[in-house]
Amino acid sequence: MIAKIGKGSNMYGAILYNQQKVETENGAVLLLNKIPDTVDGRYSVAYFNKCFEPYLSANIRTEKTVRHISLNPDPKDEVSDEQFTEMAKEYMERMGYGKQPYIVYKHYDIERTHIHIVTVCVGIDGKKISDSYDHPQSMAICRDLEQEYNLIPATEKQRTGNELAFRPVDYRAGDVKSQIASVVRYLPKYYQYQSFGAYNALLSLFNITAEEVKGELHGQPKNGLVYFALNEQGEKASNPFKSSLFGKHAGLEELQNRFAEAKKKMKPHPARAILKNTIEAAMHTATGEADFKKQLIEQGINTIIRRNDEGRIYGMTFVDHESRTVWNGSALDKNLSANVFNDWWKAEDIAERQSTERTSSTNLPTAGKSNADEKEETHGLFDFLNKEQPSDDFGLIDGLGGLLPEAQAEDYEEQAFANRMKKKKKGKSRRFKAN
């Protein structure tokens, strides 16, 4: 079972998202805790919102007062309403929310039946309920619930001690080629992506971009790839490096094979439904673009937004680090396409948006730069990636880096030359034998 914890400040939006599921007969209210029943058993967004008001009004200084939690068993698990109810009670009690008002919704609009829980993280006294280490705590509770209710356990990839911390490419640090090699060589072993755009979105988190080049060789059209390091503004900050320097796997042909393979694997992937619901919930609870991206980051999801010169969104890509999959919004659902988000945020000032894009936590910190607020915000988020390392010592990418080994001073150019020489030697040998 997988738990997703959304943190926001829009209680009305969180309730609205779930009530819309009920009204369209794609959901139901399973449990109310410290919330009075109505006479007719019918509920409205306004009614539920009013029930949380005393807690929200008592709030002293907590910014993100709303908790929107989803519990997602494996699609093959058969869980009754009674079991969902008991699991929700145990989960909320152990997370410290047992005495809080909360609503448990069951959603069955997708193949994976799951529950959503809406609550507040401040008590009636206005004090915040501690959420330190809530992600590792949540994971531990999920493992216990899996055993208690005989659920299919959520799988986690085992990592070895040879996997070292890894940082984004720093174009100022020198030896850019080796830095890029560390990423493009190992990234395909851990992530799945269905298109060149999705691959580039993932690379951008590591301050890298890939560019297709076209030409001719011996009169025949020839396509290839070159890689660049990026600066803090997402601009090219290095000379181009041919993909052949990094091995066959970094070339266009091999990548296209990976795209085709990923399309087959990702279509039935269980993470797809969870991610779709998580994004939709954030859309309803976020107060704007920056808040939307922050909410998803707190759940291990990066948002990469591509805009043209006029500021119009033409691409939305989501990187789910928990499942290690990369999705274009339209591949998840037509309601998560670039046009939908463009219409959603079109009222915002373009200049402000561009400034947010450069400084927001979605554009991950480059090596050598630190941000105390980001470290606090992502505290404990990527514990599942590297449990041996203290999470509060990591920025966002540092936490990701635990799964990527450093390049062991390999010279890919030299290796490519050696491979060519081997081919020449074989050719000479064959000609000698023929004579």
Protein backbone atom coordinates (compact mmCIF):
# COMPACT_ATOMS: atom_id res chain seq x y z
CA MET A 1 0.00 0.00 0.00
CA ILE A 2 1.23 3.47 -0.90
CA ALA A 3 0.38 6.60 1.10
CA LYS A 4 0.53 10.13 -0.30
CA ILE A 5 0.42 13.08 2.09
CA GLY A 6 -0.63 16.39 0.58
CA LYS A 7 -0.03 19.58 2.60
CA GLY A 8 -1.82 22.80 1.71
CA SER A 9 -3.88 25.70 2.96
CA ASN A 10 -7.05 25.38 0.86
CA MET A 11 -9.53 23.36 2.90
CA TYR A 12 -12.45 24.25 0.64
CA GLY A 13 -10.59 22.91 -2.41
CA ALA A 14 -9.69 19.62 -0.68
CA ILE A 15 -13.32 19.01 0.30
CA LEU A 16 -14.63 20.11 -3.11
CA TYR A 17 -12.35 17.65 -4.93
CA ASN A 18 -13.71 14.73 -2.94
CA GLN A 19 -17.34 15.84 -2.87
CA GLN A 20 -17.32 16.07 -6.65
CA LYS A 21 -16.40 12.38 -6.72
CA VAL A 22 -19.40 11.63 -4.49
CA GLU A 23 -21.79 13.73 -6.56
CA THR A 24 -20.71 12.02 -9.81
CA GLU A 25 -21.13 8.61 -8.13
CA ASN A 26 -17.40 7.95 -8.27
CA GLY A 27 -16.94 8.15 -4.53
CA ALA A 28 -18.61 7.86 -1.13
CA VAL A 29 -18.14 9.07 2.43
CA LEU A 30 -16.96 6.12 4.54
CA LEU A 31 -16.25 7.71 7.90
CA LEU A 32 -16.63 10.96 9.81
CA ASN A 33 -14.45 11.56 12.86
CA LYS A 34 -15.47 14.36 15.25
CA ILE A 35 -17.80 15.71 12.57
CA PRO A 36 -21.57 15.57 13.31
CA ASP A 37 -23.89 13.64 11.03
CA THR A 38 -26.65 15.51 9.24
CA VAL A 39 -30.30 14.60 9.71
CA ASP A 40 -30.73 13.33 6.16
CA GLY A 41 -27.22 11.90 5.78
CA ARG A 42 -26.40 14.34 3.00
CA TYR A 43 -23.34 16.53 3.07
CA SER A 44 -22.17 19.62 1.27
CA VAL A 45 -18.83 21.32 0.80
CA ALA A 46 -20.04 24.28 2.85
CA TYR A 47 -21.16 22.03 5.71
CA PHE A 48 -17.85 20.16 5.95
CA ASN A 49 -15.87 23.36 5.60
CA LYS A 50 -17.79 24.88 8.52
CA CYS A 51 -16.92 21.85 10.69
CA PHE A 52 -13.20 22.59 10.29
CA GLU A 53 -13.52 26.34 10.88
CA PRO A 54 -12.97 26.31 14.69
CA TYR A 55 -9.62 24.58 14.20
CA LEU A 56 -8.57 26.82 11.32
CA SER A 57 -9.60 29.96 13.22
CA ALA A 58 -7.62 28.85 16.28
CA ASN A 59 -4.47 28.43 14.17
CA ILE A 60 -1.59 30.41 15.63
CA ARG A 61 1.14 30.45 12.96
CA THR A 62 0.92 27.28 10.84
CA GLU A 63 0.92 28.11 7.13
CA LYS A 64 -0.15 24.75 5.67
CA THR A 65 -3.01 23.66 7.87
CA VAL A 66 -4.70 21.15 5.55
CA ARG A 67 -3.74 17.49 5.21
CA HIS A 68 -5.07 15.55 2.22
CA ILE A 69 -3.95 11.93 2.49
CA SER A 70 -4.55 9.06 0.08
CA LEU A 71 -4.08 5.38 0.93
CA ASN A 72 -3.65 3.21 -2.15
CA PRO A 73 -3.66 -0.60 -1.88
CA ASP A 74 -2.47 -2.72 -4.78
CA PRO A 75 -5.15 -3.03 -7.54
CA LYS A 76 -5.24 -6.79 -6.89
CA ASP A 77 -6.11 -6.31 -3.20
CA GLU A 78 -9.75 -6.82 -2.27
CA VAL A 79 -10.51 -4.45 0.58
CA SER A 80 -13.99 -4.08 2.07
CA ASP A 81 -15.45 -0.79 3.26
CA GLU A 82 -15.12 -2.01 6.85
CA GLN A 83 -11.42 -2.76 6.32
CA PHE A 84 -10.84 0.62 4.68
CA THR A 85 -12.53 2.27 7.66
CA GLU A 86 -10.44 0.39 10.22
CA MET A 87 -7.23 1.05 8.28
CA ALA A 88 -8.03 4.76 8.12
CA LYS A 89 -8.68 4.89 11.88
CA GLU A 90 -5.42 3.10 12.71
CA TYR A 91 -3.41 5.19 10.26
CA MET A 92 -4.77 8.49 11.58
CA GLU A 93 -4.32 7.47 15.22
CA ARG A 94 -0.69 6.48 14.71
CA MET A 95 0.05 9.60 12.67
CA GLY A 96 -1.19 11.76 15.55
CA TYR A 97 -4.52 12.81 14.00
CA GLY A 98 -6.81 10.48 15.94
CA LYS A 99 -8.43 13.32 17.92
CA GLN A 100 -8.78 15.59 14.91
CA PRO A 101 -11.88 16.05 12.78
CA TYR A 102 -11.44 14.17 9.52
CA ILE A 103 -13.43 12.77 6.60
CA VAL A 104 -12.66 9.44 4.93
CA TYR A 105 -13.71 9.21 1.28
CA LYS A 106 -13.65 6.10 -0.88
CA HIS A 107 -12.84 6.67 -4.56
CA TYR A 108 -13.63 4.12 -7.23
CA ASP A 109 -13.35 6.21 -10.39
CA ILE A 110 -10.25 4.28 -11.42
CA GLU A 111 -9.24 0.62 -11.38
CA ARG A 112 -7.32 1.09 -8.13
CA THR A 113 -9.95 1.58 -5.40
CA HIS A 114 -8.49 3.81 -2.71
CA ILE A 115 -9.39 6.22 0.07
CA HIS A 116 -8.76 9.90 0.66
CA ILE A 117 -8.65 11.49 4.11
CA VAL A 118 -9.15 15.23 4.68
CA THR A 119 -8.14 16.76 8.01
CA VAL A 120 -6.32 19.67 9.69
CA CYS A 121 -2.92 19.59 11.37
CA VAL A 122 -3.74 22.14 14.08
CA GLY A 123 -5.60 21.30 17.27
CA ILE A 124 -8.48 23.23 18.78
CA ASP A 125 -5.84 25.08 20.81
CA GLY A 126 -4.26 26.38 17.60
CA LYS A 127 -1.01 24.46 18.04
CA LYS A 128 0.42 22.44 15.18
CA ILE A 129 0.55 18.66 15.40
CA SER A 130 4.15 17.71 14.74
CA ASP A 131 4.80 16.33 11.26
CA SER A 132 8.54 15.76 11.63
CA TYR A 133 9.53 12.55 9.92
CA ASP A 134 5.92 12.00 8.85
CA HIS A 135 6.89 10.35 5.55
CA PRO A 136 9.05 7.59 7.10
CA GLN A 137 6.43 7.19 9.82
CA SER A 138 3.69 6.86 7.20
CA MET A 139 5.69 4.25 5.33
CA ALA A 140 6.21 2.20 8.49
CA ILE A 141 2.46 2.27 9.23
CA CYS A 142 1.69 1.14 5.67
CA ARG A 143 4.05 -1.85 6.06
CA ASP A 144 2.24 -2.82 9.28
CA LEU A 145 -1.20 -2.44 7.68
CA GLU A 146 -0.09 -4.63 4.78
CA GLN A 147 0.71 -7.43 7.20
CA GLU A 148 -2.37 -6.90 9.37
CA TYR A 149 -4.80 -6.97 6.43
CA ASN A 150 -2.83 -9.38 4.24
CA LEU A 151 -2.25 -6.80 1.50
CA ILE A 152 0.26 -7.04 -1.32
CA PRO A 153 3.36 -5.19 -0.07
CA ALA A 154 4.61 -2.14 -1.95
CA THR A 155 7.97 -3.05 -3.45
CA GLU A 156 11.07 -0.99 -2.83
CA LYS A 157 14.28 -1.35 -4.79
CA GLN A 158 17.22 -2.43 -2.67
CA ARG A 159 20.33 -0.34 -2.90
CA THR A 160 23.95 -1.19 -2.14
CA GLY A 161 26.59 0.69 -0.25
CA ASN A 162 28.42 1.35 -3.53
CA GLU A 163 25.83 3.92 -4.55
CA LEU A 164 27.21 7.31 -3.64
CA ALA A 165 25.67 10.74 -3.29
CA PHE A 166 25.31 12.50 -6.63
CA ARG A 167 24.75 16.16 -7.46
CA PRO A 168 23.46 18.06 -10.50
CA VAL A 169 26.03 19.08 -13.07
CA ASP A 170 27.91 22.22 -12.10
CA TYR A 171 29.31 23.85 -15.27
CA ARG A 172 31.67 25.95 -13.15
CA ALA A 173 33.31 23.00 -11.40
CA GLY A 174 35.27 21.65 -14.38
CA ASP A 175 35.34 18.21 -16.02
CA VAL A 176 31.80 18.75 -17.27
CA LYS A 177 32.04 15.72 -19.55
CA SER A 178 32.51 13.33 -16.60
CA GLN A 179 29.69 15.03 -14.68
CA ILE A 180 27.30 14.55 -17.59
CA ALA A 181 28.51 10.98 -18.06
CA SER A 182 27.59 10.15 -14.47
CA VAL A 183 23.97 11.05 -15.18
CA VAL A 184 23.33 9.84 -18.73
CA ARG A 185 25.03 6.51 -18.10
CA TYR A 186 23.09 5.56 -14.99
CA LEU A 187 19.75 7.35 -15.29
CA PRO A 188 18.22 4.77 -17.68
CA LYS A 189 18.82 2.05 -15.09
CA TYR A 190 16.47 3.72 -12.64
CA TYR A 191 13.82 5.72 -14.53
CA GLN A 192 11.26 5.03 -17.25
CA TYR A 193 10.27 7.67 -19.82
CA GLN A 194 8.22 7.43 -23.02
CA SER A 195 9.46 10.30 -25.16
CA PHE A 196 12.41 12.55 -25.90
CA GLY A 197 10.61 15.43 -24.18
CA ALA A 198 10.14 13.38 -21.01
CA TYR A 199 13.80 12.31 -21.12
CA ASN A 200 14.90 15.95 -21.42
CA ALA A 201 12.60 16.96 -18.57
CA LEU A 202 14.31 14.40 -16.34
CA LEU A 203 17.76 15.54 -17.49
CA SER A 204 16.86 19.15 -16.67
CA LEU A 205 16.66 18.23 -12.98
CA PHE A 206 20.39 17.50 -13.27
CA ASN A 207 21.19 20.69 -15.23
CA ILE A 208 21.55 18.82 -18.54
CA THR A 209 19.78 19.02 -21.88
CA ALA A 210 20.00 16.80 -24.97
CA GLU A 211 19.58 18.09 -28.52
CA GLU A 212 19.00 16.18 -31.73
CA VAL A 213 21.34 16.99 -34.64
CA LYS A 214 20.81 16.04 -38.27
CA GLY A 215 23.36 15.67 -41.05
CA GLU A 216 24.78 13.42 -43.72
CA LEU A 217 27.40 10.69 -43.69
CA HIS A 218 28.62 9.34 -47.05
CA GLY A 219 25.55 10.83 -48.69
CA GLN A 220 23.15 9.17 -46.21
CA PRO A 221 21.04 11.09 -43.67
CA LYS A 222 22.40 10.64 -40.16
CA ASN A 223 20.76 11.70 -36.89
CA GLY A 224 22.53 12.01 -33.58
CA LEU A 225 22.46 13.58 -30.12
CA VAL A 226 24.59 16.11 -28.32
CA TYR A 227 24.47 16.97 -24.63
CA PHE A 228 24.96 20.34 -22.92
CA ALA A 229 25.33 21.48 -19.32
CA LEU A 230 22.84 24.14 -18.21
CA ASN A 231 23.20 27.14 -15.92
CA GLU A 232 20.77 28.30 -13.22
CA GLN A 233 18.52 29.95 -15.84
CA GLY A 234 18.28 26.76 -17.90
CA GLU A 235 20.58 28.15 -20.60
CA LYS A 236 23.34 26.18 -22.32
CA ALA A 237 26.56 26.70 -20.40
CA SER A 238 29.01 24.31 -22.03
CA ASN A 239 30.27 23.08 -25.35
CA PRO A 240 28.26 20.25 -26.91
CA PHE A 241 29.28 16.67 -26.12
CA LYS A 242 28.52 13.93 -28.64
CA SER A 243 26.44 11.09 -27.27
CA SER A 244 29.09 8.60 -28.45
CA LEU A 245 31.36 9.90 -25.68
CA PHE A 246 28.96 8.43 -23.10
CA GLY A 247 28.30 5.05 -24.60
CA LYS A 248 25.72 3.49 -26.91
CA HIS A 249 22.90 3.82 -24.37
CA ALA A 250 23.11 7.64 -24.58
CA GLY A 251 22.55 7.68 -28.35
CA LEU A 252 19.34 8.43 -30.20
CA GLU A 253 18.71 4.93 -31.51
CA GLU A 254 19.04 3.29 -28.09
CA LEU A 255 16.85 5.96 -26.50
CA GLN A 256 14.12 5.42 -29.10
CA ASN A 257 14.16 1.71 -28.26
CA ARG A 258 13.80 2.61 -24.58
CA PHE A 259 10.86 4.92 -25.35
CA ALA A 260 9.01 2.13 -27.15
CA GLU A 261 9.70 -0.33 -24.34
CA ALA A 262 8.60 2.17 -21.69
CA LYS A 263 5.28 2.84 -23.48
CA LYS A 264 4.39 -0.84 -23.09
CA LYS A 265 5.45 -1.01 -19.43
CA MET A 266 4.03 2.31 -18.27
CA LYS A 267 0.51 2.03 -19.69
CA PRO A 268 -0.59 -0.52 -17.03
CA HIS A 269 1.79 0.87 -14.37
CA PRO A 270 0.01 1.20 -10.97
CA ALA A 271 1.75 4.53 -10.32
CA ARG A 272 -0.22 6.11 -13.14
CA ALA A 273 -3.54 6.20 -11.28
CA ILE A 274 -1.95 7.31 -8.01
CA LEU A 275 -0.05 10.12 -9.70
CA LYS A 276 -3.16 11.28 -11.58
CA ASN A 277 -5.16 11.51 -8.36
CA THR A 278 -2.33 13.24 -6.50
CA ILE A 279 -2.00 15.90 -9.20
CA GLU A 280 -5.77 16.46 -9.39
CA ALA A 281 -5.96 16.88 -5.63
CA ALA A 282 -3.13 19.42 -5.71
CA MET A 283 -4.92 21.35 -8.44
CA HIS A 284 -7.93 21.71 -6.18
CA THR A 285 -6.03 22.57 -3.02
CA ALA A 286 -3.19 24.74 -4.33
CA THR A 287 -3.50 28.52 -4.28
CA GLY A 288 -1.43 28.99 -7.44
CA GLU A 289 1.39 27.65 -9.57
CA ALA A 290 4.14 27.93 -6.95
CA ASP A 291 1.99 26.29 -4.28
CA PHE A 292 0.99 23.55 -6.72
CA LYS A 293 4.62 22.67 -7.41
CA LYS A 294 5.53 22.79 -3.72
CA GLN A 295 2.69 20.44 -2.80
CA LEU A 296 3.85 17.89 -5.34
CA ILE A 297 7.50 18.19 -4.31
CA GLU A 298 6.48 17.32 -0.77
CA GLN A 299 5.11 14.07 -2.20
CA GLY A 300 8.21 13.22 -4.22
CA ILE A 301 7.00 14.62 -7.55
CA ASN A 302 8.78 17.22 -9.66
CA THR A 303 6.88 19.40 -12.11
CA ILE A 304 8.67 20.59 -15.25
CA ILE A 305 6.80 23.31 -17.15
CA ARG A 306 7.76 24.33 -20.69
CA ARG A 307 6.68 27.75 -21.96
CA ASN A 308 7.17 29.55 -25.27
CA ASP A 309 8.48 33.10 -25.60
CA GLU A 310 4.98 34.49 -25.07
CA GLY A 311 4.67 32.62 -21.78
CA ARG A 312 2.16 30.05 -22.99
CA ILE A 313 2.52 26.56 -21.55
CA TYR A 314 3.11 23.92 -24.21
CA GLY A 315 4.39 21.08 -22.04
CA MET A 316 3.69 19.65 -18.57
CA THR A 317 5.89 16.82 -17.33
CA PHE A 318 5.77 15.10 -13.95
CA VAL A 319 8.66 13.09 -12.49
CA ASP A 320 7.49 10.66 -9.82
CA HIS A 321 10.63 9.72 -7.88
CA GLU A 322 8.86 7.09 -5.80
CA SER A 323 7.87 4.96 -8.79
CA ARG A 324 10.74 6.39 -10.89
CA THR A 325 8.53 7.16 -13.83
CA VAL A 326 8.27 10.29 -15.99
CA TRP A 327 4.90 11.32 -17.42
CA ASN A 328 3.61 14.00 -19.73
CA GLY A 329 0.42 15.42 -18.29
CA SER A 330 -1.67 14.47 -21.34
CA ALA A 331 -0.46 10.85 -21.04
CA LEU A 332 -1.93 10.69 -17.54
CA ASP A 333 -5.27 12.28 -18.44
CA LYS A 334 -6.69 14.77 -20.94
CA ASN A 335 -7.57 17.01 -18.00
CA LEU A 336 -3.86 17.29 -17.13
CA SER A 337 -2.74 18.56 -20.52
CA ALA A 338 -0.68 21.70 -21.06
CA ASN A 339 -3.73 23.64 -22.30
CA VAL A 340 -5.63 22.93 -19.09
CA PHE A 341 -2.81 24.27 -16.95
CA ASN A 342 -2.26 27.22 -19.25
CA ASP A 343 -5.91 28.24 -18.86
CA TRP A 344 -5.67 27.67 -15.11
CA TRP A 345 -2.72 30.03 -14.64
CA LYS A 346 -3.32 32.49 -17.48
CA ALA A 347 -4.53 35.20 -15.08
CA GLU A 348 -1.13 35.31 -13.39
CA ASP A 349 1.38 37.93 -14.47
CA ILE A 350 3.92 36.44 -16.93
CA ALA A 351 6.90 38.23 -15.44
CA GLU A 352 6.03 37.00 -11.96
CA ARG A 353 5.60 33.48 -13.35
CA GLN A 354 9.03 33.54 -14.98
CA SER A 355 10.62 34.73 -11.75
CA THR A 356 8.86 31.95 -9.82
CA GLU A 357 10.04 29.41 -12.37
CA ARG A 358 13.68 30.38 -11.79
CA THR A 359 13.50 30.39 -8.02
CA SER A 360 10.89 27.78 -7.13
CA SER A 361 11.80 24.42 -5.68
CA THR A 362 10.79 22.69 -8.91
CA ASN A 363 13.98 24.02 -10.50
CA LEU A 364 16.26 22.12 -8.19
CA PRO A 365 19.27 23.75 -6.52
CA THR A 366 22.54 23.48 -8.34
CA ALA A 367 25.64 22.07 -6.74
CA GLY A 368 27.38 24.47 -4.44
CA LYS A 369 24.23 26.43 -3.62
CA SER A 370 22.11 25.92 -0.57
CA ASN A 371 18.69 27.05 0.50
CA ALA A 372 17.65 26.61 4.11
CA ASP A 373 13.96 26.84 3.33
CA GLU A 374 14.17 24.07 0.72
CA LYS A 375 16.03 21.79 3.09
CA GLU A 376 13.38 22.28 5.73
CA GLU A 377 10.58 21.81 3.19
CA THR A 378 11.91 18.54 1.86
CA HIS A 379 13.03 17.17 5.23
CA GLY A 380 12.54 13.41 5.27
CA LEU A 381 10.96 13.36 1.81
CA PHE A 382 13.43 11.08 0.11
CA ASP A 383 14.18 8.75 2.97
CA PHE A 384 12.96 5.91 0.78
CA LEU A 385 15.79 6.63 -1.67
CA ASN A 386 18.68 6.43 0.73
CA LYS A 387 17.95 5.35 4.26
CA GLU A 388 21.62 5.29 5.29
CA GLN A 389 21.99 9.05 4.92
CA PRO A 390 20.52 11.65 7.32
CA SER A 391 17.74 13.28 5.34
CA ASP A 392 18.18 16.75 6.78
CA ASP A 393 21.66 17.00 5.27
CA PHE A 394 20.28 16.72 1.74
CA GLY A 395 18.79 19.12 -0.73
CA LEU A 396 16.19 17.72 -3.12
CA ILE A 397 18.58 16.33 -5.71
CA ASP A 398 21.05 15.24 -3.03
CA GLY A 399 18.37 12.92 -1.72
CA LEU A 400 17.78 11.63 -5.23
CA GLY A 401 21.46 11.18 -5.74
CA GLY A 402 21.67 8.30 -3.36
CA LEU A 403 20.48 6.08 -6.14
CA LEU A 404 23.05 7.17 -8.74
CA PRO A 405 26.68 6.02 -8.52
CA GLU A 406 29.42 8.47 -9.35
CA ALA A 407 31.37 7.94 -12.53
CA GLN A 408 34.61 6.14 -11.75
CA ALA A 409 36.87 8.46 -13.76
CA GLU A 410 35.94 6.69 -16.99
CA ASP A 411 37.05 8.32 -20.24
CA TYR A 412 34.24 7.58 -22.68
CA GLU A 413 36.10 9.25 -25.58
CA GLU A 414 39.05 6.95 -25.03
CA GLN A 415 36.74 3.96 -24.79
CA ALA A 416 35.06 4.88 -28.07
CA PHE A 417 38.49 5.15 -29.73
CA ALA A 418 39.47 1.72 -28.36
CA ASN A 419 36.27 0.20 -29.75
CA ARG A 420 37.01 1.67 -33.21
CA MET A 421 40.54 0.25 -33.11
CA LYS A 422 39.20 -3.20 -32.28
CA LYS A 423 36.95 -3.05 -35.32
CA LYS A 424 39.88 -2.02 -37.54
CA LYS A 425 42.01 -4.87 -36.22
CA LYS A 426 39.27 -7.37 -36.95
CA GLY A 427 38.93 -6.02 -40.48
CA LYS A 428 42.67 -6.33 -41.12
CA SER A 429 42.69 -9.86 -39.77
CA ARG A 430 39.87 -10.92 -42.08
CA ARG A 431 41.60 -9.41 -45.13
CA PHE A 432 44.89 -11.16 -44.24
CA LYS A 433 43.16 -14.55 -44.02
CA ALA A 434 41.45 -14.05 -47.36
CA ASN A 435 44.81 -13.55 -49.05
